[in-house]
Each structure stands twice: as C-alpha cells, then as structure tokens.
C-alpha atoms as a PDB file:
ATOM      1  CA  MET A   1      72.231  56.688 113.735  1.00  0.00           C
ATOM      2  CA  THR A   2      74.757  53.920 114.323  1.00  0.00           C
ATOM      3  CA  THR A   3      75.354  51.934 117.471  1.00  0.00           C
ATOM      4  CA  PRO A   4      78.715  51.983 119.278  1.00  0.00           C
ATOM      5  CA  GLU A   5      79.257  48.395 118.130  1.00  0.00           C
ATOM      6  CA  GLU A   6      78.690  49.437 114.503  1.00  0.00           C
ATOM      7  CA  ASP A   7      81.107  52.351 114.920  1.00  0.00           C
ATOM      8  CA  PHE A   8      83.748  50.001 116.291  1.00  0.00           C
ATOM      9  CA  ASP A   9      83.254  47.553 113.422  1.00  0.00           C
ATOM     10  CA  GLY A  10      83.278  50.240 110.724  1.00  0.00           C
ATOM     11  CA  ASP A  11      85.803  52.743 112.041  1.00  0.00           C
ATOM     12  CA  GLY A  12      87.864  50.386 114.166  1.00  0.00           C
ATOM     13  CA  VAL A  13      87.553  52.822 117.065  1.00  0.00           C
ATOM     14  CA  VAL A  14      84.828  54.184 119.338  1.00  0.00           C
ATOM     15  CA  CYS A  15      84.747  56.592 122.275  1.00  0.00           C
ATOM     16  CA  LEU A  16      82.762  55.264 125.246  1.00  0.00           C
ATOM     17  CA  ARG A  17      81.562  57.739 127.839  1.00  0.00           C
ATOM     18  CA  GLN A  18      81.711  57.227 131.613  1.00  0.00           C
ATOM     19  CA  VAL A  19      82.176  53.459 131.566  1.00  0.00           C
ATOM     20  CA  PHE A  20      84.560  53.481 134.554  1.00  0.00           C
ATOM     21  CA  GLU A  21      83.455  54.605 138.001  1.00  0.00           C
ATOM     22  CA  PRO A  22      85.654  57.135 139.850  1.00  0.00           C
ATOM     23  CA  HIS A  23      87.167  54.521 142.150  1.00  0.00           C
ATOM     24  CA  TRP A  24      88.676  52.713 139.151  1.00  0.00           C
ATOM     25  CA  ILE A  25      90.249  55.931 137.874  1.00  0.00           C
ATOM     26  CA  GLU A  26      91.592  56.646 141.347  1.00  0.00           C
ATOM     27  CA  THR A  27      93.001  53.105 141.485  1.00  0.00           C
ATOM     28  CA  LEU A  28      94.807  53.531 138.177  1.00  0.00           C
ATOM     29  CA  ALA A  29      96.096  56.981 139.161  1.00  0.00           C
ATOM     30  CA  ARG A  30      97.668  55.513 142.300  1.00  0.00           C
ATOM     31  CA  GLY A  31      99.218  52.788 140.192  1.00  0.00           C
ATOM     32  CA  VAL A  32     100.634  55.247 137.667  1.00  0.00           C
ATOM     33  CA  GLU A  33     102.238  57.341 140.388  1.00  0.00           C
ATOM     34  CA  ARG A  34     103.778  54.171 141.836  1.00  0.00           C
ATOM     35  CA  ASN A  35     104.934  53.265 138.310  1.00  0.00           C
ATOM     36  CA  LEU A  36     106.554  56.683 137.778  1.00  0.00           C
ATOM     37  CA  ALA A  37     108.384  56.372 141.091  1.00  0.00           C
ATOM     38  CA  GLU A  38     109.411  52.763 140.376  1.00  0.00           C
ATOM     39  CA  PRO A  39     109.704  52.305 136.585  1.00  0.00           C
ATOM     40  CA  SER A  40     110.262  48.819 135.216  1.00  0.00           C
ATOM     41  CA  PRO A  41     113.325  47.782 133.178  1.00  0.00           C
ATOM     42  CA  LEU A  42     111.111  48.184 130.075  1.00  0.00           C
ATOM     43  CA  ALA A  43     110.361  51.873 130.775  1.00  0.00           C
ATOM     44  CA  LYS A  44     111.319  54.311 128.026  1.00  0.00           C
ATOM     45  CA  ARG A  45     111.836  58.059 128.210  1.00  0.00           C
ATOM     46  CA  TYR A  46     111.160  59.666 124.822  1.00  0.00           C
ATOM     47  CA  THR A  47     111.923  63.272 125.804  1.00  0.00           C
ATOM     48  CA  PRO A  48     115.611  64.123 125.268  1.00  0.00           C
ATOM     49  CA  ASP A  49     117.571  65.557 128.172  1.00  0.00           C
ATOM     50  CA  GLY A  50     117.201  69.332 128.361  1.00  0.00           C
ATOM     51  CA  LYS A  51     113.872  69.409 126.521  1.00  0.00           C
ATOM     52  CA  PRO A  52     110.678  70.558 128.275  1.00  0.00           C
ATOM     53  CA  GLY A  53     108.083  68.231 129.709  1.00  0.00           C
ATOM     54  CA  LEU A  54     108.312  64.456 129.806  1.00  0.00           C
ATOM     55  CA  PHE A  55     107.059  61.709 127.510  1.00  0.00           C
ATOM     56  CA  LEU A  56     107.410  58.378 129.304  1.00  0.00           C
ATOM     57  CA  GLY A  57     106.131  54.905 128.484  1.00  0.00           C
ATOM     58  CA  ASP A  58     106.169  51.720 130.536  1.00  0.00           C
ATOM     59  CA  TYR A  59     104.419  48.368 130.235  1.00  0.00           C
ATOM     60  CA  CYS A  60     103.975  44.814 131.500  1.00  0.00           C
ATOM     61  CA  SER A  61     103.872  45.887 135.167  1.00  0.00           C
ATOM     62  CA  TRP A  62     100.458  44.499 136.099  1.00  0.00           C
ATOM     63  CA  ARG A  63     101.945  41.713 138.239  1.00  0.00           C
ATOM     64  CA  ARG A  64     104.143  44.041 140.314  1.00  0.00           C
ATOM     65  CA  ILE A  65     101.761  47.000 140.597  1.00  0.00           C
ATOM     66  CA  PRO A  66      98.666  45.760 142.441  1.00  0.00           C
ATOM     67  CA  GLU A  67      96.453  48.614 141.280  1.00  0.00           C
ATOM     68  CA  TYR A  68      97.002  47.556 137.657  1.00  0.00           C
ATOM     69  CA  GLY A  69      96.278  43.917 138.383  1.00  0.00           C
ATOM     70  CA  ALA A  70      93.089  44.759 140.271  1.00  0.00           C
ATOM     71  CA  PHE A  71      91.833  46.954 137.447  1.00  0.00           C
ATOM     72  CA  LEU A  72      92.627  44.499 134.645  1.00  0.00           C
ATOM     73  CA  ARG A  73      91.024  41.557 136.432  1.00  0.00           C
ATOM     74  CA  ASN A  74      88.053  43.184 138.176  1.00  0.00           C
ATOM     75  CA  SER A  75      86.996  46.355 136.336  1.00  0.00           C
ATOM     76  CA  PRO A  76      84.548  46.359 133.382  1.00  0.00           C
ATOM     77  CA  ALA A  77      87.475  46.649 130.916  1.00  0.00           C
ATOM     78  CA  ALA A  78      87.681  42.986 129.861  1.00  0.00           C
ATOM     79  CA  ALA A  79      83.904  42.706 129.512  1.00  0.00           C
ATOM     80  CA  ILE A  80      83.885  45.786 127.267  1.00  0.00           C
ATOM     81  CA  ALA A  81      86.537  44.171 125.070  1.00  0.00           C
ATOM     82  CA  GLY A  82      84.528  40.944 124.923  1.00  0.00           C
ATOM     83  CA  ARG A  83      81.324  42.734 124.013  1.00  0.00           C
ATOM     84  CA  PHE A  84      82.773  44.764 121.162  1.00  0.00           C
ATOM     85  CA  MET A  85      84.980  42.009 119.741  1.00  0.00           C
ATOM     86  CA  ARG A  86      82.102  39.511 120.068  1.00  0.00           C
ATOM     87  CA  ALA A  87      84.473  37.135 121.818  1.00  0.00           C
ATOM     88  CA  ARG A  88      83.570  34.167 124.011  1.00  0.00           C
ATOM     89  CA  LYS A  89      86.604  34.747 126.208  1.00  0.00           C
ATOM     90  CA  ILE A  90      89.153  37.498 126.786  1.00  0.00           C
ATOM     91  CA  ASN A  91      92.833  37.117 127.612  1.00  0.00           C
ATOM     92  CA  LEU A  92      94.869  39.836 129.269  1.00  0.00           C
ATOM     93  CA  PHE A  93      97.745  40.724 126.948  1.00  0.00           C
ATOM     94  CA  HIS A  94      99.408  43.558 128.876  1.00  0.00           C
ATOM     95  CA  GLU A  95      99.038  47.169 129.975  1.00  0.00           C
ATOM     96  CA  HIS A  96     100.881  50.200 128.591  1.00  0.00           C
ATOM     97  CA  VAL A  97     101.163  53.486 130.464  1.00  0.00           C
ATOM     98  CA  LEU A  98     101.875  56.653 128.481  1.00  0.00           C
ATOM     99  CA  VAL A  99     102.490  59.918 130.321  1.00  0.00           C
ATOM    100  CA  LYS A 100     102.956  63.329 128.688  1.00  0.00           C
ATOM    101  CA  GLU A 101     103.607  66.007 131.257  1.00  0.00           C
ATOM    102  CA  PRO A 102     102.723  69.684 130.547  1.00  0.00           C
ATOM    103  CA  GLY A 103     104.900  71.305 127.910  1.00  0.00           C
ATOM    104  CA  THR A 104     105.962  68.030 126.269  1.00  0.00           C
ATOM    105  CA  LEU A 105     106.809  68.594 122.600  1.00  0.00           C
ATOM    106  CA  GLU A 106     107.296  65.030 121.380  1.00  0.00           C
ATOM    107  CA  PRO A 107     104.427  63.566 119.335  1.00  0.00           C
ATOM    108  CA  THR A 108     103.446  59.924 119.216  1.00  0.00           C
ATOM    109  CA  PRO A 109     104.165  58.853 115.613  1.00  0.00           C
ATOM    110  CA  TRP A 110     101.443  57.401 113.410  1.00  0.00           C
ATOM    111  CA  HIS A 111     101.451  53.622 113.777  1.00  0.00           C
ATOM    112  CA  HIS A 112      99.232  50.665 114.442  1.00  0.00           C
ATOM    113  CA  ASP A 113      99.832  48.148 117.185  1.00  0.00           C
ATOM    114  CA  LEU A 114      99.473  44.621 115.848  1.00  0.00           C
ATOM    115  CA  PRO A 115     102.821  44.500 113.971  1.00  0.00           C
ATOM    116  CA  TYR A 116     104.594  45.290 117.251  1.00  0.00           C
ATOM    117  CA  TRP A 117     102.844  42.543 119.201  1.00  0.00           C
ATOM    118  CA  THR A 118     103.685  38.883 119.787  1.00  0.00           C
ATOM    119  CA  LEU A 119     100.424  37.606 118.365  1.00  0.00           C
ATOM    120  CA  GLU A 120      98.435  36.793 115.229  1.00  0.00           C
ATOM    121  CA  GLY A 121      94.670  37.075 114.867  1.00  0.00           C
ATOM    122  CA  THR A 122      91.848  39.553 114.411  1.00  0.00           C
ATOM    123  CA  GLN A 123      90.475  39.910 117.951  1.00  0.00           C
ATOM    124  CA  ALA A 124      93.012  42.239 119.539  1.00  0.00           C
ATOM    125  CA  CYS A 125      92.151  45.624 121.013  1.00  0.00           C
ATOM    126  CA  SER A 126      93.176  48.360 123.417  1.00  0.00           C
ATOM    127  CA  LEU A 127      91.195  50.533 125.800  1.00  0.00           C
ATOM    128  CA  TRP A 128      92.882  53.955 126.058  1.00  0.00           C
ATOM    129  CA  ILE A 129      91.815  55.358 129.421  1.00  0.00           C
ATOM    130  CA  PRO A 130      92.682  58.966 130.358  1.00  0.00           C
ATOM    131  CA  LEU A 131      93.305  59.710 134.007  1.00  0.00           C
ATOM    132  CA  ASP A 132      93.186  63.486 133.413  1.00  0.00           C
ATOM    133  CA  PRO A 133      90.851  65.659 131.311  1.00  0.00           C
ATOM    134  CA  VAL A 134      92.073  65.616 127.704  1.00  0.00           C
ATOM    135  CA  THR A 135      91.190  68.042 124.928  1.00  0.00           C
ATOM    136  CA  ARG A 136      90.803  67.019 121.304  1.00  0.00           C
ATOM    137  CA  GLU A 137      94.008  68.951 120.561  1.00  0.00           C
ATOM    138  CA  THR A 138      96.131  66.785 122.899  1.00  0.00           C
ATOM    139  CA  SER A 139      94.312  63.470 122.534  1.00  0.00           C
ATOM    140  CA  VAL A 140      95.092  60.493 120.324  1.00  0.00           C
ATOM    141  CA  GLU A 141      93.775  60.619 116.733  1.00  0.00           C
ATOM    142  CA  TYR A 142      92.664  57.624 114.693  1.00  0.00           C
ATOM    143  CA  VAL A 143      92.366  57.023 110.949  1.00  0.00           C
ATOM    144  CA  ALA A 144      88.820  55.712 110.624  1.00  0.00           C
ATOM    145  CA  GLY A 145      88.554  52.418 108.766  1.00  0.00           C
ATOM    146  CA  SER A 146      92.313  51.862 108.469  1.00  0.00           C
ATOM    147  CA  HIS A 147      91.967  48.451 110.141  1.00  0.00           C
ATOM    148  CA  LYS A 148      90.289  47.284 106.919  1.00  0.00           C
ATOM    149  CA  TRP A 149      93.025  48.374 104.509  1.00  0.00           C
ATOM    150  CA  GLY A 150      94.652  44.945 104.548  1.00  0.00           C
ATOM    151  CA  ALA A 151      98.054  46.527 105.255  1.00  0.00           C
ATOM    152  CA  TRP A 152     100.606  45.872 107.968  1.00  0.00           C
ATOM    153  CA  TYR A 153     102.944  48.769 108.669  1.00  0.00           C
ATOM    154  CA  THR A 154     106.477  48.682 110.026  1.00  0.00           C
ATOM    155  CA  PRO A 155     106.640  49.579 113.736  1.00  0.00           C
ATOM    156  CA  LYS A 156     107.797  53.122 114.409  1.00  0.00           C
ATOM    157  CA  ARG A 157     110.337  54.251 116.991  1.00  0.00           C
ATOM    158  CA  PHE A 158     108.678  56.651 119.424  1.00  0.00           C
ATOM    159  CA  ASN A 159     111.855  58.620 120.127  1.00  0.00           C
ATOM    160  CA  ASP A 160     112.408  59.816 116.536  1.00  0.00           C
ATOM    161  CA  GLY A 161     109.506  58.476 114.411  1.00  0.00           C
ATOM    162  CA  ASP A 162     111.732  56.362 112.145  1.00  0.00           C
ATOM    163  CA  ASP A 163     111.010  52.752 111.225  1.00  0.00           C
ATOM    164  CA  HIS A 164     112.281  49.961 113.436  1.00  0.00           C
ATOM    165  CA  ASP A 165     114.417  47.279 111.844  1.00  0.00           C
ATOM    166  CA  SER A 166     112.126  44.586 110.482  1.00  0.00           C
ATOM    167  CA  ARG A 167     112.571  41.533 108.304  1.00  0.00           C
ATOM    168  CA  ASP A 168     108.888  40.703 107.876  1.00  0.00           C
ATOM    169  CA  ALA A 169     108.169  40.892 104.134  1.00  0.00           C
ATOM    170  CA  ARG A 170     104.535  41.941 104.570  1.00  0.00           C
ATOM    171  CA  LEU A 171     105.423  45.207 106.340  1.00  0.00           C
ATOM    172  CA  GLN A 172     105.451  48.582 104.584  1.00  0.00           C
ATOM    173  CA  THR A 173     106.110  52.155 105.723  1.00  0.00           C
ATOM    174  CA  VAL A 174     103.238  54.065 107.307  1.00  0.00           C
ATOM    175  CA  PRO A 175     101.803  56.666 104.897  1.00  0.00           C
ATOM    176  CA  ASP A 176     102.424  60.331 105.746  1.00  0.00           C
ATOM    177  CA  ILE A 177      99.122  61.056 107.456  1.00  0.00           C
ATOM    178  CA  ASP A 178      99.988  64.588 108.629  1.00  0.00           C
ATOM    179  CA  ALA A 179     100.976  65.735 105.134  1.00  0.00           C
ATOM    180  CA  ASN A 180      97.682  64.469 103.696  1.00  0.00           C
ATOM    181  CA  ARG A 181      95.178  64.944 106.501  1.00  0.00           C
ATOM    182  CA  ALA A 182      92.361  65.943 104.139  1.00  0.00           C
ATOM    183  CA  GLN A 183      92.506  62.508 102.516  1.00  0.00           C
ATOM    184  CA  TYR A 184      91.509  60.712 105.706  1.00  0.00           C
ATOM    185  CA  THR A 185      88.704  60.695 108.226  1.00  0.00           C
ATOM    186  CA  LEU A 186      90.513  61.465 111.476  1.00  0.00           C
ATOM    187  CA  LEU A 187      88.686  60.827 114.735  1.00  0.00           C
ATOM    188  CA  GLY A 188      89.497  62.227 118.152  1.00  0.00           C
ATOM    189  CA  TRP A 189      87.592  63.413 121.191  1.00  0.00           C
ATOM    190  CA  ASP A 190      87.582  65.688 124.203  1.00  0.00           C
ATOM    191  CA  MET A 191      87.628  63.281 127.130  1.00  0.00           C
ATOM    192  CA  ARG A 192      87.343  63.227 130.879  1.00  0.00           C
ATOM    193  CA  PRO A 193      88.219  60.573 133.452  1.00  0.00           C
ATOM    194  CA  GLY A 194      85.723  57.716 133.234  1.00  0.00           C
ATOM    195  CA  ASP A 195      85.694  57.785 129.414  1.00  0.00           C
ATOM    196  CA  CYS A 196      87.763  55.482 127.239  1.00  0.00           C
ATOM    197  CA  ILE A 197      88.632  54.896 123.597  1.00  0.00           C
ATOM    198  CA  LEU A 198      88.330  51.318 122.385  1.00  0.00           C
ATOM    199  CA  PHE A 199      90.295  50.555 119.219  1.00  0.00           C
ATOM    200  CA  ASN A 200      91.291  47.662 116.997  1.00  0.00           C
ATOM    201  CA  GLY A 201      94.943  46.623 116.898  1.00  0.00           C
ATOM    202  CA  LEU A 202      95.205  47.501 113.198  1.00  0.00           C
ATOM    203  CA  VAL A 203      93.811  51.052 113.366  1.00  0.00           C
ATOM    204  CA  LEU A 204      96.417  53.711 112.579  1.00  0.00           C
ATOM    205  CA  HIS A 205      96.748  56.286 115.350  1.00  0.00           C
ATOM    206  CA  GLY A 206      99.070  58.984 116.620  1.00  0.00           C
ATOM    207  CA  ALA A 207      99.083  61.887 119.041  1.00  0.00           C
ATOM    208  CA  PRO A 208     100.574  65.366 119.312  1.00  0.00           C
ATOM    209  CA  GLY A 209     102.754  66.562 122.135  1.00  0.00           C
ATOM    210  CA  ASN A 210     101.159  68.050 125.222  1.00  0.00           C
ATOM    211  CA  ARG A 211     101.555  71.810 124.980  1.00  0.00           C
ATOM    212  CA  SER A 212      98.802  72.374 127.542  1.00  0.00           C
ATOM    213  CA  ALA A 213      99.249  73.208 131.221  1.00  0.00           C
ATOM    214  CA  ASN A 214      97.660  69.901 132.249  1.00  0.00           C
ATOM    215  CA  ARG A 215      99.067  66.418 132.699  1.00  0.00           C
ATOM    216  CA  ARG A 216      98.095  63.726 130.208  1.00  0.00           C
ATOM    217  CA  ARG A 217      98.317  60.362 131.934  1.00  0.00           C
ATOM    218  CA  ALA A 218      96.810  57.471 129.998  1.00  0.00           C
ATOM    219  CA  PHE A 219      96.488  53.772 130.797  1.00  0.00           C
ATOM    220  CA  ALA A 220      96.070  51.378 127.862  1.00  0.00           C
ATOM    221  CA  ALA A 221      94.552  47.987 128.696  1.00  0.00           C
ATOM    222  CA  ARG A 222      95.253  45.424 125.961  1.00  0.00           C
ATOM    223  CA  PHE A 223      93.226  42.267 125.428  1.00  0.00           C
ATOM    224  CA  THR A 224      92.888  39.409 122.948  1.00  0.00           C
ATOM    225  CA  GLY A 225      89.936  37.222 121.980  1.00  0.00           C
ATOM    226  CA  ASP A 226      89.111  33.760 120.681  1.00  0.00           C
ATOM    227  CA  ASP A 227      91.111  33.567 117.445  1.00  0.00           C
ATOM    228  CA  VAL A 228      94.429  35.005 118.654  1.00  0.00           C
ATOM    229  CA  ARG A 229      97.571  32.868 118.799  1.00  0.00           C
ATOM    230  CA  TYR A 230     100.979  33.643 120.247  1.00  0.00           C
ATOM    231  CA  ALA A 231     103.518  34.548 117.541  1.00  0.00           C
ATOM    232  CA  LEU A 232     107.174  35.429 117.119  1.00  0.00           C
ATOM    233  CA  ARG A 233     108.248  37.341 114.011  1.00  0.00           C
ATOM    234  CA  PRO A 234     111.627  38.440 112.664  1.00  0.00           C
ATOM    235  CA  GLY A 235     112.708  41.927 113.600  1.00  0.00           C
ATOM    236  CA  TYR A 236     111.440  44.284 116.262  1.00  0.00           C
ATOM    237  CA  MET A 237     108.602  43.282 118.599  1.00  0.00           C
ATOM    238  CA  SER A 238     107.198  45.189 121.563  1.00  0.00           C
ATOM    239  CA  PRO A 239     106.867  44.342 124.356  1.00  0.00           C
ATOM    240  CA  PRO A 240     109.887  42.084 123.882  1.00  0.00           C
ATOM    241  CA  PRO A 241     109.088  38.359 124.047  1.00  0.00           C
ATOM    242  CA  HIS A 242     111.379  37.876 127.059  1.00  0.00           C
ATOM    243  CA  GLY A 243     108.956  40.075 129.011  1.00  0.00           C
ATOM    244  CA  PHE A 244     106.357  37.273 129.011  1.00  0.00           C
ATOM    245  CA  PRO A 245     107.499  34.395 131.241  1.00  0.00           C
ATOM    246  CA  GLY A 246     105.110  31.470 130.950  1.00  0.00           C
ATOM    247  CA  ALA A 247     104.053  32.363 127.390  1.00  0.00           C
ATOM    248  CA  PRO A 248     102.693  29.587 125.138  1.00  0.00           C
ATOM    249  CA  GLU A 249     104.570  28.135 122.199  1.00  0.00           C
ATOM    250  CA  PRO A 250     104.231  30.094 118.929  1.00  0.00           C
ATOM    251  CA  GLY A 251     101.033  29.165 117.122  1.00  0.00           C
ATOM    252  CA  GLN A 252      99.235  28.144 120.331  1.00  0.00           C
ATOM    253  CA  PRO A 253      96.245  29.899 121.948  1.00  0.00           C
ATOM    254  CA  MET A 254      97.056  32.701 124.359  1.00  0.00           C
ATOM    255  CA  ASP A 255      95.644  30.893 127.429  1.00  0.00           C
ATOM    256  CA  SER A 256      98.665  30.631 129.731  1.00  0.00           C
ATOM    257  CA  GLU A 257     100.303  31.940 132.860  1.00  0.00           C
ATOM    258  CA  ALA A 258     101.565  34.926 130.852  1.00  0.00           C
ATOM    259  CA  PHE A 259      98.168  35.791 129.324  1.00  0.00           C
ATOM    260  CA  PRO A 260      95.425  34.684 131.734  1.00  0.00           C
ATOM    261  CA  VAL A 261      91.776  34.493 130.788  1.00  0.00           C
ATOM    262  CA  VAL A 262      90.126  37.387 132.624  1.00  0.00           C
ATOM    263  CA  TRP A 263      86.590  37.195 131.210  1.00  0.00           C
ATOM    264  CA  ARG A 264      84.278  34.661 129.620  1.00  0.00           C
ATOM    265  CA  THR A 265      80.770  34.861 128.215  1.00  0.00           C
ATOM    266  CA  GLY A 266      78.531  34.820 131.245  1.00  0.00           C
ATOM    267  CA  GLY A 267      81.105  36.621 133.336  1.00  0.00           C
ATOM    268  CA  LEU A 268      83.147  33.579 134.387  1.00  0.00           C
ATOM    269  CA  ALA A 269      86.924  33.985 134.272  1.00  0.00           C
ATOM    270  CA  GLY A 270      89.985  31.946 135.079  1.00  0.00           C
ATOM    271  CA  LEU A 271      91.983  29.293 133.291  1.00  0.00           C
END
C-alpha cells in the first residue's frame, strides 16, 4: 500500500478526497458564475457556433474575482501543494477555470502544462477541483509516470488539437495516446465536490467532451515551489506574459507582485 505522497511522486498525479469543506466549493461556484457572466479578455470559447454545449476557459482573474482570491490565499490549496512538492514556500501562479456544459462534444487534447507556462523548474503543480459531481467517463485522464519521461511536448491548441507554433528546439509532438491506450497506465476518477486531483506540471493529461446531462465546472489552482524561476521562451506561451504585470525578470525567483507567496513552512505567508 502506497501513501498519497508516494503516488504523487511515482505517478505524478493523485486524487485527494474531501480536502475542501463545502463553503470553499460554494465560494468557487459563486466566483465561476461571476466569471461566466463577466469573462476576462483572456477567455476562450472552444465550442464552435452552432454546436451543442459549451467548452469555455478563462484564467488569471484572481485579482478581479474576490472569491478566487479568497480561495487561493486562504483555503488549504497552497498548503496541499507545499506538502506534496516538499516545498518550503509556495507561490501563486494563476487559476484556470474550465467549464464544459451538458452535451459538449469537444475534448481537451492530450498535453502537459509546463511547456505552456512562463517558468522553469520542477516544483510546479495544479489542483483540479470539480464544482459538480464528475464521473470517470467525463473526468480528466492522466498518463501515470509521464512526468518522468524527460520529454517536453509542444503545446496543443484546445480548439482543434493541433500544435501551437513553437521555436523551442526541445519540444516534440505529443504521442497519440488515444490510438495506443493499452500501452499506458491511464488514471482517472469519479469525483464529487470537495475532492481534487493534484498533478505535476509535466504529467500528460486530457479529457473527453461532456456528453452527460450534468455541468462540469472545474477550477484549477496553479502553484510553484522553491526551485521555480520566471522564464520566457520563443513561440507560444499561456497565459501570455503580458497577463502578469509586476512579474520578475526572466531567470529570477517567482516572488513578486505578480506571483505572491501564499504559504510557507509553518503556515506563514506573505512576501
């Protein structure tokens, strides 16, 4: 029997049950509804006009949506990231909201996150937090152990699954996971509000559409640890660097107005 920490180290992903009290889920749900009514300039609709359902993503709204800011600073999320990454301090990177309404056909393409992001380092993770009950069939799937392959894959476009333009020589195309599912250990879970999935920034993951009759609202909280530095790379990056006013110079630690320290060993936070 392995511990959750061992699962996270070995698989790069772990499902944690009932780590958020109902009031935190209610807080995020209010924030998401505010976000849907008032999307940011970075919001992206991935469902074409005339198609059923809605696949919508938005991010970097934690300063303008108070429910997001309260959750990211005061909930157990940052402490969970610190515990599993064995970090002395945790910086808030950003949040990413992903909504798939009932009947949505568009999948989330297989990808991993770190090549999109404006950072370099090993201590980078996301907490994927469902605000609605999610079945294994509509939840995100993860390729266990893929964070240890030593590969960086070209960011994928969510609207059509093709590669983004990139001029980083280390990037390669994501393997065709769906055509070779038997070759991989794919992890996914039935989930309910209060649960979360914690995963490493280099773990490959993707998700089907939402053909169910239920909403699938998810809030991803993204954090970095001790060894991470701000970085700018050629080609596509997401969120775009201009979305981070007050960011440090490339190569510098994340500690800054853009990426505040929200947790330290012993529970103390703040710059």
